[in-house]
């Protein structure tokens, strides 16, 4: 089954763990603007970044985006 990425759920995940985008950026040594770009769907997280974020906020990588199955 193929999936397509929907909207980014990072803001919800951050809210659930009580962390701000600025705190996440500082923890991972990223610019806060980059985290904002992911949240606003301006950029898609590369897999390595998504894994680092998921590990930092204790969630599964699949919980960072809505996943929609593609119909063939």
PDB file of N, CA and C in Angstrom:
ATOM      1  N   UNK A   1       0.852  -1.171   0.000  1.00  0.00           N
ATOM      2  CA  UNK A   1       0.000   0.000   0.000  1.00  0.00           C
ATOM      3  C   UNK A   1       0.899   1.235   0.000  1.00  0.00           C
ATOM      4  N   UNK A   2       0.560   2.196  -0.815  1.00  0.00           N
ATOM      5  CA  UNK A   2       1.305   3.461  -0.872  1.00  0.00           C
ATOM      6  C   UNK A   2       0.578   4.504  -0.037  1.00  0.00           C
ATOM      7  N   UNK A   3       1.371   5.372   0.564  1.00  0.00           N
ATOM      8  CA  UNK A   3       0.811   6.451   1.368  1.00  0.00           C
ATOM      9  C   UNK A   3       1.250   7.791   0.827  1.00  0.00           C
ATOM     10  N   UNK A   4       0.416   8.771   1.047  1.00  0.00           N
ATOM     11  CA  UNK A   4       0.732  10.156   0.728  1.00  0.00           C
ATOM     12  C   UNK A   4       0.708  10.924   2.045  1.00  0.00           C
ATOM     13  N   UNK A   5       1.654  11.841   2.209  1.00  0.00           N
ATOM     14  CA  UNK A   5       1.681  12.642   3.429  1.00  0.00           C
ATOM     15  C   UNK A   5       0.599  13.706   3.389  1.00  0.00           C
ATOM     16  N   UNK A   6      -0.135  13.801   4.479  1.00  0.00           N
ATOM     17  CA  UNK A   6      -1.106  14.872   4.645  1.00  0.00           C
ATOM     18  C   UNK A   6      -0.448  15.997   5.419  1.00  0.00           C
ATOM     19  N   UNK A   7      -1.234  16.675   6.227  1.00  0.00           N
ATOM     20  CA  UNK A   7      -0.685  17.812   6.968  1.00  0.00           C
ATOM     21  C   UNK A   7       0.201  17.331   8.111  1.00  0.00           C
ATOM     22  N   UNK A   8       1.112  18.201   8.489  1.00  0.00           N
ATOM     23  CA  UNK A   8       2.048  17.928   9.569  1.00  0.00           C
ATOM     24  C   UNK A   8       1.307  18.014  10.906  1.00  0.00           C
ATOM     25  N   UNK A   9       1.559  17.055  11.790  1.00  0.00           N
ATOM     26  CA  UNK A   9       0.919  17.013  13.101  1.00  0.00           C
ATOM     27  C   UNK A   9       1.894  17.374  14.231  1.00  0.00           C
ATOM     28  N   UNK A  10       3.028  17.951  13.862  1.00  0.00           N
ATOM     29  CA  UNK A  10       4.050  18.252  14.847  1.00  0.00           C
ATOM     30  C   UNK A  10       3.556  19.207  15.932  1.00  0.00           C
ATOM     31  N   UNK A  11       2.786  20.199  15.559  1.00  0.00           N
ATOM     32  CA  UNK A  11       2.295  21.154  16.560  1.00  0.00           C
ATOM     33  C   UNK A  11       1.460  20.441  17.626  1.00  0.00           C
ATOM     34  N   UNK A  12       0.613  19.495  17.197  1.00  0.00           N
ATOM     35  CA  UNK A  12      -0.198  18.730  18.154  1.00  0.00           C
ATOM     36  C   UNK A  12       0.682  17.863  19.049  1.00  0.00           C
ATOM     37  N   UNK A  13       1.686  17.219  18.443  1.00  0.00           N
ATOM     38  CA  UNK A  13       2.588  16.363  19.229  1.00  0.00           C
ATOM     39  C   UNK A  13       3.368  17.198  20.250  1.00  0.00           C
ATOM     40  N   UNK A  14       3.824  18.390  19.848  1.00  0.00           N
ATOM     41  CA  UNK A  14       4.537  19.268  20.777  1.00  0.00           C
ATOM     42  C   UNK A  14       3.631  19.692  21.929  1.00  0.00           C
ATOM     43  N   UNK A  15       2.388  20.017  21.610  1.00  0.00           N
ATOM     44  CA  UNK A  15       1.427  20.416  22.628  1.00  0.00           C
ATOM     45  C   UNK A  15       1.200  19.277  23.627  1.00  0.00           C
ATOM     46  N   UNK A  16       1.088  18.060  23.120  1.00  0.00           N
ATOM     47  CA  UNK A  16       0.856  16.898  23.977  1.00  0.00           C
ATOM     48  C   UNK A  16       2.005  16.664  24.961  1.00  0.00           C
ATOM     49  N   UNK A  17       3.219  16.974  24.540  1.00  0.00           N
ATOM     50  CA  UNK A  17       4.362  16.734  25.442  1.00  0.00           C
ATOM     51  C   UNK A  17       4.802  18.012  26.156  1.00  0.00           C
ATOM     52  N   UNK A  18       4.086  19.112  25.944  1.00  0.00           N
ATOM     53  CA  UNK A  18       4.372  20.350  26.662  1.00  0.00           C
ATOM     54  C   UNK A  18       5.653  21.041  26.234  1.00  0.00           C
ATOM     55  N   UNK A  19       5.994  20.899  24.964  1.00  0.00           N
ATOM     56  CA  UNK A  19       7.225  21.509  24.454  1.00  0.00           C
ATOM     57  C   UNK A  19       6.865  22.519  23.374  1.00  0.00           C
ATOM     58  N   UNK A  20       7.607  23.618  23.332  1.00  0.00           N
ATOM     59  CA  UNK A  20       7.396  24.620  22.285  1.00  0.00           C
ATOM     60  C   UNK A  20       8.281  24.302  21.085  1.00  0.00           C
ATOM     61  N   UNK A  21       7.968  24.920  19.962  1.00  0.00           N
ATOM     62  CA  UNK A  21       8.806  24.724  18.775  1.00  0.00           C
ATOM     63  C   UNK A  21      10.205  25.278  19.009  1.00  0.00           C
ATOM     64  N   UNK A  22      10.298  26.336  19.808  1.00  0.00           N
ATOM     65  CA  UNK A  22      11.604  26.917  20.127  1.00  0.00           C
ATOM     66  C   UNK A  22      12.438  25.958  20.979  1.00  0.00           C
ATOM     67  N   UNK A  23      11.787  25.296  21.936  1.00  0.00           N
ATOM     68  CA  UNK A  23      12.492  24.316  22.770  1.00  0.00           C
ATOM     69  C   UNK A  23      12.974  23.138  21.929  1.00  0.00           C
ATOM     70  N   UNK A  24      12.125  22.663  21.024  1.00  0.00           N
ATOM     71  CA  UNK A  24      12.513  21.560  20.152  1.00  0.00           C
ATOM     72  C   UNK A  24      13.692  21.969  19.289  1.00  0.00           C
ATOM     73  N   UNK A  25      13.619  23.152  18.707  1.00  0.00           N
ATOM     74  CA  UNK A  25      14.705  23.639  17.860  1.00  0.00           C
ATOM     75  C   UNK A  25      16.015  23.701  18.642  1.00  0.00           C
ATOM     76  N   UNK A  26      15.953  24.217  19.862  1.00  0.00           N
ATOM     77  CA  UNK A  26      17.159  24.319  20.685  1.00  0.00           C
ATOM     78  C   UNK A  26      17.707  22.939  21.024  1.00  0.00           C
ATOM     79  N   UNK A  27      16.824  22.016  21.337  1.00  0.00           N
ATOM     80  CA  UNK A  27      17.235  20.648  21.682  1.00  0.00           C
ATOM     81  C   UNK A  27      17.974  19.971  20.524  1.00  0.00           C
ATOM     82  N   UNK A  28      17.496  20.220  19.298  1.00  0.00           N
ATOM     83  CA  UNK A  28      18.070  19.557  18.120  1.00  0.00           C
ATOM     84  C   UNK A  28      19.088  20.424  17.373  1.00  0.00           C
ATOM     85  N   UNK A  29      19.316  21.635  17.885  1.00  0.00           N
ATOM     86  CA  UNK A  29      20.237  22.586  17.249  1.00  0.00           C
ATOM     87  C   UNK A  29      19.785  22.967  15.836  1.00  0.00           C
ATOM     88  N   UNK A  30      18.469  23.166  15.682  1.00  0.00           N
ATOM     89  CA  UNK A  30      17.882  23.643  14.432  1.00  0.00           C
ATOM     90  C   UNK A  30      17.420  25.075  14.638  1.00  0.00           C
ATOM     91  N   UNK A  31      17.248  25.787  13.557  1.00  0.00           N
ATOM     92  CA  UNK A  31      16.653  27.120  13.637  1.00  0.00           C
ATOM     93  C   UNK A  31      15.152  26.956  13.892  1.00  0.00           C
ATOM     94  N   UNK A  32      14.578  27.795  14.764  1.00  0.00           N
ATOM     95  CA  UNK A  32      13.133  27.699  15.013  1.00  0.00           C
ATOM     96  C   UNK A  32      12.310  27.871  13.729  1.00  0.00           C
ATOM     97  N   UNK A  33      12.836  28.650  12.780  1.00  0.00           N
ATOM     98  CA  UNK A  33      12.113  28.854  11.514  1.00  0.00           C
ATOM     99  C   UNK A  33      11.940  27.537  10.760  1.00  0.00           C
ATOM    100  N   UNK A  34      12.938  26.664  10.846  1.00  0.00           N
ATOM    101  CA  UNK A  34      12.840  25.378  10.161  1.00  0.00           C
ATOM    102  C   UNK A  34      11.722  24.537  10.769  1.00  0.00           C
ATOM    103  N   UNK A  35      11.654  24.515  12.094  1.00  0.00           N
ATOM    104  CA  UNK A  35      10.577  23.782  12.765  1.00  0.00           C
ATOM    105  C   UNK A  35       9.231  24.385  12.355  1.00  0.00           C
ATOM    106  N   UNK A  36       9.158  25.705  12.301  1.00  0.00           N
ATOM    107  CA  UNK A  36       7.930  26.379  11.861  1.00  0.00           C
ATOM    108  C   UNK A  36       7.557  26.012  10.441  1.00  0.00           C
ATOM    109  N   UNK A  37       8.549  25.870   9.567  1.00  0.00           N
ATOM    110  CA  UNK A  37       8.278  25.468   8.180  1.00  0.00           C
ATOM    111  C   UNK A  37       7.666  24.069   8.122  1.00  0.00           C
ATOM    112  N   UNK A  38       8.133  23.167   8.974  1.00  0.00           N
ATOM    113  CA  UNK A  38       7.539  21.822   9.012  1.00  0.00           C
ATOM    114  C   UNK A  38       6.099  21.904   9.501  1.00  0.00           C
ATOM    115  N   UNK A  39       5.887  22.651  10.574  1.00  0.00           N
ATOM    116  CA  UNK A  39       4.541  22.778  11.152  1.00  0.00           C
ATOM    117  C   UNK A  39       3.572  23.398  10.157  1.00  0.00           C
ATOM    118  N   UNK A  40       4.038  24.390   9.401  1.00  0.00           N
ATOM    119  CA  UNK A  40       3.172  25.087   8.436  1.00  0.00           C
ATOM    120  C   UNK A  40       3.111  24.409   7.069  1.00  0.00           C
ATOM    121  N   UNK A  41       3.699  23.222   6.954  1.00  0.00           N
ATOM    122  CA  UNK A  41       3.721  22.454   5.701  1.00  0.00           C
ATOM    123  C   UNK A  41       4.429  23.182   4.565  1.00  0.00           C
ATOM    124  N   UNK A  42       5.374  24.048   4.898  1.00  0.00           N
ATOM    125  CA  UNK A  42       6.192  24.703   3.882  1.00  0.00           C
ATOM    126  C   UNK A  42       7.274  23.735   3.416  1.00  0.00           C
ATOM    127  N   UNK A  43       7.776  22.927   4.354  1.00  0.00           N
ATOM    128  CA  UNK A  43       8.791  21.906   4.069  1.00  0.00           C
ATOM    129  C   UNK A  43       8.321  20.572   4.617  1.00  0.00           C
ATOM    130  N   UNK A  44       8.750  19.505   3.979  1.00  0.00           N
ATOM    131  CA  UNK A  44       8.514  18.157   4.485  1.00  0.00           C
ATOM    132  C   UNK A  44       9.784  17.718   5.202  1.00  0.00           C
ATOM    133  N   UNK A  45       9.622  17.139   6.377  1.00  0.00           N
ATOM    134  CA  UNK A  45      10.776  16.687   7.149  1.00  0.00           C
ATOM    135  C   UNK A  45      11.495  15.555   6.429  1.00  0.00           C
ATOM    136  N   UNK A  46      12.804  15.659   6.258  1.00  0.00           N
ATOM    137  CA  UNK A  46      13.559  14.497   5.793  1.00  0.00           C
ATOM    138  C   UNK A  46      13.463  13.401   6.858  1.00  0.00           C
ATOM    139  N   UNK A  47      13.619  12.158   6.445  1.00  0.00           N
ATOM    140  CA  UNK A  47      13.459  11.034   7.364  1.00  0.00           C
ATOM    141  C   UNK A  47      14.366  11.156   8.589  1.00  0.00           C
ATOM    142  N   UNK A  48      15.629  11.532   8.394  1.00  0.00           N
ATOM    143  CA  UNK A  48      16.548  11.656   9.527  1.00  0.00           C
ATOM    144  C   UNK A  48      16.054  12.695  10.530  1.00  0.00           C
ATOM    145  N   UNK A  49      15.519  13.789  10.034  1.00  0.00           N
ATOM    146  CA  UNK A  49      14.984  14.840  10.909  1.00  0.00           C
ATOM    147  C   UNK A  49      13.746  14.320  11.637  1.00  0.00           C
ATOM    148  N   UNK A  50      12.864  13.660  10.911  1.00  0.00           N
ATOM    149  CA  UNK A  50      11.638  13.133  11.516  1.00  0.00           C
ATOM    150  C   UNK A  50      11.969  12.134  12.627  1.00  0.00           C
ATOM    151  N   UNK A  51      12.961  11.287  12.402  1.00  0.00           N
ATOM    152  CA  UNK A  51      13.366  10.324  13.435  1.00  0.00           C
ATOM    153  C   UNK A  51      13.913  11.056  14.653  1.00  0.00           C
ATOM    154  N   UNK A  52      14.747  12.071  14.432  1.00  0.00           N
ATOM    155  CA  UNK A  52      15.300  12.850  15.550  1.00  0.00           C
ATOM    156  C   UNK A  52      14.196  13.549  16.337  1.00  0.00           C
ATOM    157  N   UNK A  53      13.236  14.123  15.628  1.00  0.00           N
ATOM    158  CA  UNK A  53      12.121  14.798  16.293  1.00  0.00           C
ATOM    159  C   UNK A  53      11.289  13.793  17.075  1.00  0.00           C
ATOM    160  N   UNK A  54      10.951  12.681  16.448  1.00  0.00           N
ATOM    161  CA  UNK A  54      10.132  11.659  17.108  1.00  0.00           C
ATOM    162  C   UNK A  54      10.822  11.142  18.374  1.00  0.00           C
ATOM    163  N   UNK A  55      12.115  10.892  18.292  1.00  0.00           N
ATOM    164  CA  UNK A  55      12.856  10.426  19.470  1.00  0.00           C
ATOM    165  C   UNK A  55      12.869  11.488  20.567  1.00  0.00           C
ATOM    166  N   UNK A  56      12.999  12.742  20.185  1.00  0.00           N
ATOM    167  CA  UNK A  56      13.062  13.828  21.164  1.00  0.00           C
ATOM    168  C   UNK A  56      11.740  14.014  21.884  1.00  0.00           C
ATOM    169  N   UNK A  57      10.628  13.886  21.164  1.00  0.00           N
ATOM    170  CA  UNK A  57       9.318  14.122  21.799  1.00  0.00           C
ATOM    171  C   UNK A  57       8.587  12.827  22.136  1.00  0.00           C
ATOM    172  N   UNK A  58       9.298  11.708  22.013  1.00  0.00           N
ATOM    173  CA  UNK A  58       8.760  10.391  22.396  1.00  0.00           C
ATOM    174  C   UNK A  58       7.462  10.025  21.684  1.00  0.00           C
ATOM    175  N   UNK A  59       7.516  10.078  20.363  1.00  0.00           N
ATOM    176  CA  UNK A  59       6.374   9.606  19.584  1.00  0.00           C
ATOM    177  C   UNK A  59       6.900   8.752  18.441  1.00  0.00           C
ATOM    178  N   UNK A  60       6.018   8.109  17.734  1.00  0.00           N
ATOM    179  CA  UNK A  60       6.368   7.324  16.564  1.00  0.00           C
ATOM    180  C   UNK A  60       6.477   8.272  15.365  1.00  0.00           C
ATOM    181  N   UNK A  61       7.390   7.988  14.468  1.00  0.00           N
ATOM    182  CA  UNK A  61       7.571   8.835  13.276  1.00  0.00           C
ATOM    183  C   UNK A  61       6.259   8.982  12.515  1.00  0.00           C
ATOM    184  N   UNK A  62       5.460   7.941  12.472  1.00  0.00           N
ATOM    185  CA  UNK A  62       4.189   7.986  11.740  1.00  0.00           C
ATOM    186  C   UNK A  62       3.181   8.952  12.356  1.00  0.00           C
ATOM    187  N   UNK A  63       3.427   9.376  13.586  1.00  0.00           N
ATOM    188  CA  UNK A  63       2.513  10.305  14.251  1.00  0.00           C
ATOM    189  C   UNK A  63       2.818  11.770  13.930  1.00  0.00           C
ATOM    190  N   UNK A  64       3.824  12.000  13.093  1.00  0.00           N
ATOM    191  CA  UNK A  64       4.205  13.379  12.766  1.00  0.00           C
ATOM    192  C   UNK A  64       3.436  13.941  11.573  1.00  0.00           C
ATOM    193  N   UNK A  65       2.818  13.083  10.787  1.00  0.00           N
ATOM    194  CA  UNK A  65       2.026  13.514   9.627  1.00  0.00           C
ATOM    195  C   UNK A  65       0.750  12.704   9.528  1.00  0.00           C
ATOM    196  N   UNK A  66      -0.271  13.320   8.971  1.00  0.00           N
ATOM    197  CA  UNK A  66      -1.434  12.537   8.567  1.00  0.00           C
ATOM    198  C   UNK A  66      -0.987  11.666   7.400  1.00  0.00           C
ATOM    199  N   UNK A  67      -1.383  10.428   7.400  1.00  0.00           N
ATOM    200  CA  UNK A  67      -1.054   9.519   6.297  1.00  0.00           C
ATOM    201  C   UNK A  67      -2.334   9.145   5.586  1.00  0.00           C
ATOM    202  N   UNK A  68      -2.331   9.340   4.272  1.00  0.00           N
ATOM    203  CA  UNK A  68      -3.498   8.976   3.447  1.00  0.00           C
ATOM    204  C   UNK A  68      -3.079   7.896   2.490  1.00  0.00           C
ATOM    205  N   UNK A  69      -3.872   6.852   2.400  1.00  0.00           N
ATOM    206  CA  UNK A  69      -3.534   5.787   1.456  1.00  0.00           C
ATOM    207  C   UNK A  69      -3.934   6.233   0.058  1.00  0.00           C
ATOM    208  N   UNK A  70      -3.050   5.938  -0.886  1.00  0.00           N
ATOM    209  CA  UNK A  70      -3.309   6.282  -2.279  1.00  0.00           C
ATOM    210  C   UNK A  70      -4.144   5.177  -2.909  1.00  0.00           C
ATOM    211  N   UNK A  71      -5.154   5.587  -3.629  1.00  0.00           N
ATOM    212  CA  UNK A  71      -5.988   4.638  -4.357  1.00  0.00           C
ATOM    213  C   UNK A  71      -5.388   4.403  -5.724  1.00  0.00           C
ATOM    214  N   UNK A  72      -5.333   3.181  -6.144  1.00  0.00           N
ATOM    215  CA  UNK A  72      -4.784   2.865  -7.474  1.00  0.00           C
ATOM    216  C   UNK A  72      -5.884   2.654  -8.466  1.00  0.00           C
TER     217      UNK A  72
END
